[in-house]
Amino acid sequence: MQAPKIIELPEKQCIGIRIRTSLSENQTVRLWQQFKPRVRDIPHRANPNFYSIENFDTVVDFKRFSPTTLFEKWAAVEVSQMEQIPEGMEALRLPSGMYAVFIHHGPAHTYPETAQYIFGTWLPHSAYQLDDRPHFEIMTPQYLPHDPHAEEEIWIPIK
């Protein structure tokens, strides 16, 4: 796996829907099934990409993180303004800050291998620490989770 790009992200505004879940519950498919048909209702989209956002209650301690650890999972898009939020959706601001950006290649079910590299190899050997901001993935409109050639950007908040 390639070394990440280190990027200073300006604040982003997103609109989407969220659930409270854990890795063992894995309700991601249901979340996206609810969200995708309603995307056309969101005005002022900044780009065509989709954001899968994980908002943890505290800085993630992977020594104590387990499959049953609860977190907030969002399906969202970036918008240029948040004045018009469709019924049943919410606004979320991604705060500015430094991120390590990795590219995950392959189907979504192989993501644990990428996560193991990021959190088990790269982060402990880097000069960075996790920051208490949302983690997120960016996917293009063409992204298909079962495609062996799929790619998604993995944004990890660091300081």
Protein backbone atom coordinates (compact mmCIF):
# COMPACT_ATOMS: atom_id res chain seq x y z
CA MET A 1 0.00 0.00 0.00
CA GLN A 2 1.23 3.49 -0.84
CA ALA A 3 2.01 6.11 1.77
CA PRO A 4 -0.88 8.51 2.27
CA LYS A 5 -1.14 12.07 1.07
CA ILE A 6 -1.22 14.50 3.99
CA ILE A 7 -3.85 17.14 3.27
CA GLU A 8 -5.06 20.19 5.18
CA LEU A 9 -8.81 20.02 4.65
CA PRO A 10 -10.93 23.18 4.76
CA GLU A 11 -14.28 22.86 6.53
CA LYS A 12 -16.85 20.97 4.47
CA GLN A 13 -20.64 21.13 4.72
CA CYS A 14 -22.60 17.94 4.20
CA ILE A 15 -26.23 16.88 4.16
CA GLY A 16 -27.28 13.29 4.70
CA ILE A 17 -28.81 10.76 7.00
CA ARG A 18 -27.28 8.99 9.99
CA ILE A 19 -27.70 5.95 12.14
CA ARG A 20 -26.07 4.71 15.31
CA THR A 21 -24.43 1.35 14.63
CA SER A 22 -21.43 -0.88 15.25
CA LEU A 23 -19.25 -3.02 13.02
CA SER A 24 -21.06 -6.14 14.23
CA GLU A 25 -24.47 -4.67 13.30
CA ASN A 26 -23.12 -3.29 9.99
CA GLN A 27 -26.19 -1.44 8.79
CA THR A 28 -24.24 0.43 6.10
CA VAL A 29 -26.07 -1.19 3.18
CA ARG A 30 -29.47 -0.27 4.65
CA LEU A 31 -28.28 3.30 5.30
CA TRP A 32 -27.21 3.77 1.67
CA GLN A 33 -30.41 2.11 0.38
CA GLN A 34 -32.38 4.76 2.29
CA PHE A 35 -30.15 7.65 1.22
CA LYS A 36 -29.32 7.14 -2.47
CA PRO A 37 -32.89 7.41 -3.83
CA ARG A 38 -33.26 10.76 -2.01
CA VAL A 39 -29.99 12.35 -3.17
CA ARG A 40 -31.71 14.24 -5.97
CA ASP A 41 -33.73 16.11 -3.29
CA ILE A 42 -30.56 17.79 -1.95
CA PRO A 43 -29.99 21.28 -3.40
CA HIS A 44 -26.59 22.97 -3.83
CA ARG A 45 -24.45 19.85 -4.20
CA ALA A 46 -20.80 20.87 -4.35
CA ASN A 47 -19.75 17.82 -6.41
CA PRO A 48 -21.15 14.44 -7.51
CA ASN A 49 -19.26 12.39 -4.87
CA PHE A 50 -20.67 10.49 -1.90
CA TYR A 51 -19.34 10.67 1.66
CA SER A 52 -19.47 7.76 4.09
CA ILE A 53 -18.71 9.36 7.47
CA GLU A 54 -17.88 7.75 10.82
CA ASN A 55 -18.31 10.03 13.81
CA PHE A 56 -16.92 8.40 16.97
CA ASP A 57 -17.87 9.48 20.50
CA THR A 58 -14.21 10.02 21.45
CA VAL A 59 -10.80 9.65 19.85
CA VAL A 60 -10.70 6.06 18.65
CA ASP A 61 -8.52 3.85 20.84
CA PHE A 62 -8.03 0.78 18.69
CA LYS A 63 -6.72 -1.19 21.65
CA ARG A 64 -10.24 -0.97 23.16
CA PHE A 65 -12.25 -0.69 19.93
CA SER A 66 -14.34 -3.79 19.32
CA PRO A 67 -16.94 -4.92 16.79
CA THR A 68 -19.67 -3.85 19.25
CA THR A 69 -18.34 -0.28 19.78
CA LEU A 70 -21.14 2.11 18.78
CA PHE A 71 -20.58 5.10 16.50
CA GLU A 72 -22.53 7.41 14.22
CA LYS A 73 -22.52 6.43 10.54
CA TRP A 74 -23.55 8.96 7.87
CA ALA A 75 -24.40 8.64 4.19
CA ALA A 76 -23.98 12.18 2.82
CA VAL A 77 -23.02 14.54 0.03
CA GLU A 78 -21.06 17.78 0.18
CA VAL A 79 -23.06 20.97 -0.35
CA SER A 80 -22.13 24.61 -0.93
CA GLN A 81 -24.86 25.84 1.42
CA MET A 82 -27.05 24.23 4.06
CA GLU A 83 -30.09 26.52 4.04
CA GLN A 84 -32.41 23.92 2.48
CA ILE A 85 -32.26 20.55 4.21
CA PRO A 86 -34.74 17.96 2.89
CA GLU A 87 -37.21 16.42 5.33
CA GLY A 88 -35.65 13.50 7.24
CA MET A 89 -32.09 14.63 6.55
CA GLU A 90 -29.57 16.53 8.64
CA ALA A 91 -26.60 18.82 8.20
CA LEU A 92 -23.08 17.93 9.32
CA ARG A 93 -19.97 20.08 9.22
CA LEU A 94 -16.66 18.33 8.71
CA PRO A 95 -14.24 20.57 10.62
CA SER A 96 -11.05 21.75 8.99
CA GLY A 97 -7.85 19.96 9.87
CA MET A 98 -5.09 17.66 8.72
CA TYR A 99 -5.96 14.29 7.21
CA ALA A 100 -3.99 11.29 5.98
CA VAL A 101 -5.64 10.20 2.72
CA PHE A 102 -5.29 6.60 1.61
CA ILE A 103 -6.75 4.84 -1.44
CA HIS A 104 -8.54 1.55 -0.82
CA HIS A 105 -8.45 -0.66 -3.91
CA GLY A 106 -10.94 -3.50 -4.23
CA PRO A 107 -14.37 -4.45 -2.98
CA ALA A 108 -15.70 -3.00 0.27
CA HIS A 109 -15.46 -6.34 2.10
CA THR A 110 -11.64 -6.16 1.84
CA TYR A 111 -11.52 -2.81 3.69
CA PRO A 112 -10.43 -4.47 6.99
CA GLU A 113 -7.06 -5.24 5.36
CA THR A 114 -6.62 -1.56 4.48
CA ALA A 115 -7.71 -0.52 7.98
CA GLN A 116 -5.22 -2.94 9.52
CA TYR A 117 -2.43 -1.34 7.51
CA ILE A 118 -3.55 2.22 8.38
CA PHE A 119 -4.09 1.71 12.11
CA GLY A 120 -1.77 -1.24 12.79
CA THR A 121 1.25 -0.33 10.65
CA TRP A 122 1.25 3.18 9.23
CA LEU A 123 -0.15 5.23 12.13
CA PRO A 124 1.99 3.70 14.93
CA HIS A 125 5.14 4.24 12.82
CA SER A 126 4.24 7.75 11.67
CA ALA A 127 4.83 11.08 13.40
CA TYR A 128 1.05 11.55 13.69
CA GLN A 129 -1.72 10.75 16.14
CA LEU A 130 -5.44 10.36 15.54
CA ASP A 131 -7.43 13.53 16.04
CA ASP A 132 -10.95 13.74 17.44
CA ARG A 133 -12.75 14.56 14.19
CA PRO A 134 -14.88 12.43 11.86
CA HIS A 135 -13.27 9.79 9.67
CA PHE A 136 -14.73 9.51 6.18
CA GLU A 137 -14.54 7.89 2.78
CA ILE A 138 -15.21 9.58 -0.54
CA MET A 139 -16.68 7.57 -3.40
CA THR A 140 -17.43 8.65 -6.95
CA PRO A 141 -20.91 8.12 -8.44
CA GLN A 142 -19.48 5.14 -10.37
CA TYR A 143 -18.37 3.36 -7.17
CA LEU A 144 -19.71 -0.18 -6.81
CA PRO A 145 -18.96 -1.84 -3.44
CA HIS A 146 -18.57 -5.36 -4.92
CA ASP A 147 -16.34 -4.35 -7.86
CA PRO A 148 -12.82 -5.84 -7.53
CA HIS A 149 -11.51 -2.68 -9.26
CA ALA A 150 -13.37 -0.22 -7.00
CA GLU A 151 -11.46 2.64 -5.39
CA GLU A 152 -12.39 4.92 -2.53
CA GLU A 153 -10.48 7.60 -0.66
CA ILE A 154 -10.05 6.94 3.07
CA TRP A 155 -9.65 10.19 5.10
CA ILE A 156 -8.17 9.71 8.59
CA PRO A 157 -8.02 12.77 10.92
CA ILE A 158 -4.51 13.34 12.28
CA LYS A 159 -2.57 15.87 14.30
